C-alpha atoms as a PDB file:
ATOM      1  CA  MET A   1     135.521 165.402 -16.834  1.00  0.00           C
ATOM      2  CA  SER A   2     135.519 165.750 -13.063  1.00  0.00           C
ATOM      3  CA  TYR A   3     136.846 168.752 -11.334  1.00  0.00           C
ATOM      4  CA  THR A   4     138.910 169.226  -7.918  1.00  0.00           C
ATOM      5  CA  LEU A   5     137.022 172.093  -5.761  1.00  0.00           C
ATOM      6  CA  ILE A   6     138.033 173.353  -2.200  1.00  0.00           C
ATOM      7  CA  VAL A   7     134.739 173.713  -0.544  1.00  0.00           C
ATOM      8  CA  HIS A   8     134.713 176.145   2.111  1.00  0.00           C
ATOM      9  CA  ILE A   9     132.146 175.410   4.998  1.00  0.00           C
ATOM     10  CA  ALA A  10     130.127 177.852   6.949  1.00  0.00           C
ATOM     11  CA  ASN A  11     132.408 177.295  10.618  1.00  0.00           C
ATOM     12  CA  ALA A  12     134.586 174.170   9.349  1.00  0.00           C
ATOM     13  CA  GLU A  13     137.749 174.018   8.086  1.00  0.00           C
ATOM     14  CA  PRO A  14     137.636 173.760   3.999  1.00  0.00           C
ATOM     15  CA  ILE A  15     137.903 170.175   2.427  1.00  0.00           C
ATOM     16  CA  VAL A  16     138.830 169.182  -0.719  1.00  0.00           C
ATOM     17  CA  GLY A  17     136.935 166.733  -3.000  1.00  0.00           C
ATOM     18  CA  GLU A  18     135.732 166.282  -6.859  1.00  0.00           C
ATOM     19  CA  VAL A  19     132.693 166.402  -8.569  1.00  0.00           C
ATOM     20  CA  ASP A  20     131.467 165.678 -12.057  1.00  0.00           C
ATOM     21  CA  GLU A  21     129.940 168.751 -12.590  1.00  0.00           C
ATOM     22  CA  LEU A  22     130.194 171.932 -11.283  1.00  0.00           C
ATOM     23  CA  PRO A  23     127.318 173.224  -9.038  1.00  0.00           C
ATOM     24  CA  LYS A  24     124.391 175.178 -10.985  1.00  0.00           C
ATOM     25  CA  PRO A  25     122.607 177.947  -9.676  1.00  0.00           C
ATOM     26  CA  THR A  26     119.466 176.650  -9.404  1.00  0.00           C
ATOM     27  CA  ASP A  27     121.576 173.521  -7.017  1.00  0.00           C
ATOM     28  CA  SER A  28     120.615 172.614  -3.254  1.00  0.00           C
ATOM     29  CA  LEU A  29     122.935 170.057  -2.641  1.00  0.00           C
ATOM     30  CA  ILE A  30     126.657 169.902  -3.480  1.00  0.00           C
ATOM     31  CA  ILE A  31     128.291 166.282  -3.865  1.00  0.00           C
ATOM     32  CA  LEU A  32     131.593 165.802  -2.908  1.00  0.00           C
ATOM     33  CA  HIS A  33     133.943 162.508  -3.905  1.00  0.00           C
ATOM     34  CA  GLU A  34     136.736 161.274  -1.954  1.00  0.00           C
ATOM     35  CA  PRO A  35     136.281 164.420   0.481  1.00  0.00           C
ATOM     36  CA  ARG A  36     139.673 165.345   2.382  1.00  0.00           C
ATOM     37  CA  GLN A  37     141.206 168.013   4.343  1.00  0.00           C
ATOM     38  CA  ARG A  38     143.658 170.239   1.963  1.00  0.00           C
ATOM     39  CA  ASP A  39     146.481 168.630   3.416  1.00  0.00           C
ATOM     40  CA  GLY A  40     144.918 165.412   2.051  1.00  0.00           C
ATOM     41  CA  LYS A  41     144.429 163.922   5.859  1.00  0.00           C
ATOM     42  CA  GLU A  42     140.545 162.773   6.668  1.00  0.00           C
ATOM     43  CA  VAL A  43     137.948 165.061   7.694  1.00  0.00           C
ATOM     44  CA  PRO A  44     137.214 164.087  11.016  1.00  0.00           C
ATOM     45  CA  TYR A  45     133.795 164.497  11.356  1.00  0.00           C
ATOM     46  CA  ILE A  46     132.946 162.347   8.216  1.00  0.00           C
ATOM     47  CA  ASP A  47     133.493 158.587   8.496  1.00  0.00           C
ATOM     48  CA  ARG A  48     136.433 156.986   7.026  1.00  0.00           C
ATOM     49  CA  GLU A  49     134.712 154.594   5.103  1.00  0.00           C
ATOM     50  CA  SER A  50     132.657 157.003   2.968  1.00  0.00           C
ATOM     51  CA  MET A  51     133.770 158.008  -0.299  1.00  0.00           C
ATOM     52  CA  VAL A  52     130.719 160.636  -0.706  1.00  0.00           C
ATOM     53  CA  ALA A  53     129.711 163.233   1.243  1.00  0.00           C
ATOM     54  CA  ILE A  54     126.613 165.598   0.506  1.00  0.00           C
ATOM     55  CA  PHE A  55     126.782 169.432   1.639  1.00  0.00           C
ATOM     56  CA  PRO A  56     123.625 171.602   1.478  1.00  0.00           C
ATOM     57  CA  ILE A  57     124.510 175.004  -0.471  1.00  0.00           C
ATOM     58  CA  HIS A  58     123.037 177.633   1.697  1.00  0.00           C
ATOM     59  CA  ARG A  59     126.202 175.807   4.463  1.00  0.00           C
ATOM     60  CA  ILE A  60     128.956 176.646   1.806  1.00  0.00           C
ATOM     61  CA  SER A  61     130.507 180.152   1.848  1.00  0.00           C
ATOM     62  CA  PHE A  62     132.567 180.133  -1.502  1.00  0.00           C
ATOM     63  CA  ILE A  63     133.771 176.809  -3.652  1.00  0.00           C
ATOM     64  CA  GLU A  64     137.059 177.283  -5.359  1.00  0.00           C
ATOM     65  CA  VAL A  65     137.641 175.823  -8.442  1.00  0.00           C
ATOM     66  CA  ILE A  66     141.371 173.780  -9.206  1.00  0.00           C
ATOM     67  CA  THR A  67     142.851 174.116 -12.378  1.00  0.00           C
ATOM     68  CA  PRO A  68     144.737 171.028 -13.600  1.00  0.00           C
ATOM     69  CA  LEU A  69     148.659 172.026 -14.124  1.00  0.00           C
ATOM     70  CA  GLU A  70     149.334 172.686 -17.247  1.00  0.00           C
ATOM     71  CA  GLU A  71     151.195 170.220 -19.445  1.00  0.00           C
ATOM     72  CA  GLU A  72     154.571 172.096 -19.192  1.00  0.00           C
ATOM     73  CA  GLU A  73     156.714 171.993 -22.863  1.00  0.00           C
ATOM     74  CA  ILE A  74     159.377 169.817 -23.178  1.00  0.00           C
ATOM     75  CA  ILE A  75     162.244 171.822 -25.050  1.00  0.00           C
ATOM     76  CA  GLY A  76     163.897 169.314 -26.633  1.00  0.00           C
ATOM     77  CA  PHE A  77     168.590 169.512 -27.492  1.00  0.00           C
ATOM     78  CA  VAL A  78     169.414 172.232 -30.155  1.00  0.00           C
ATOM     79  CA  ARG A  79     171.554 172.083 -32.181  1.00  0.00           C
ATOM     80  CA  GLU A  80     173.676 175.303 -33.256  1.00  0.00           C
END
């Protein structure tokens, strides 16, 4: 299962990307797949053809985990 993260890097705009598993307390790097800005645009300091970016944990202020929206229940027609 992959997770979508918002990574807040020190002195930079947040970056959105996917990871295969959440970072552990012992990790020193975070590997983001398909890095992009929050609005979906390209990150200016990452080459547009890059599909993976690796950031050192010491440069990250905090990480937000985006949970997928739960499927809405479908209510069918009810006959009274």
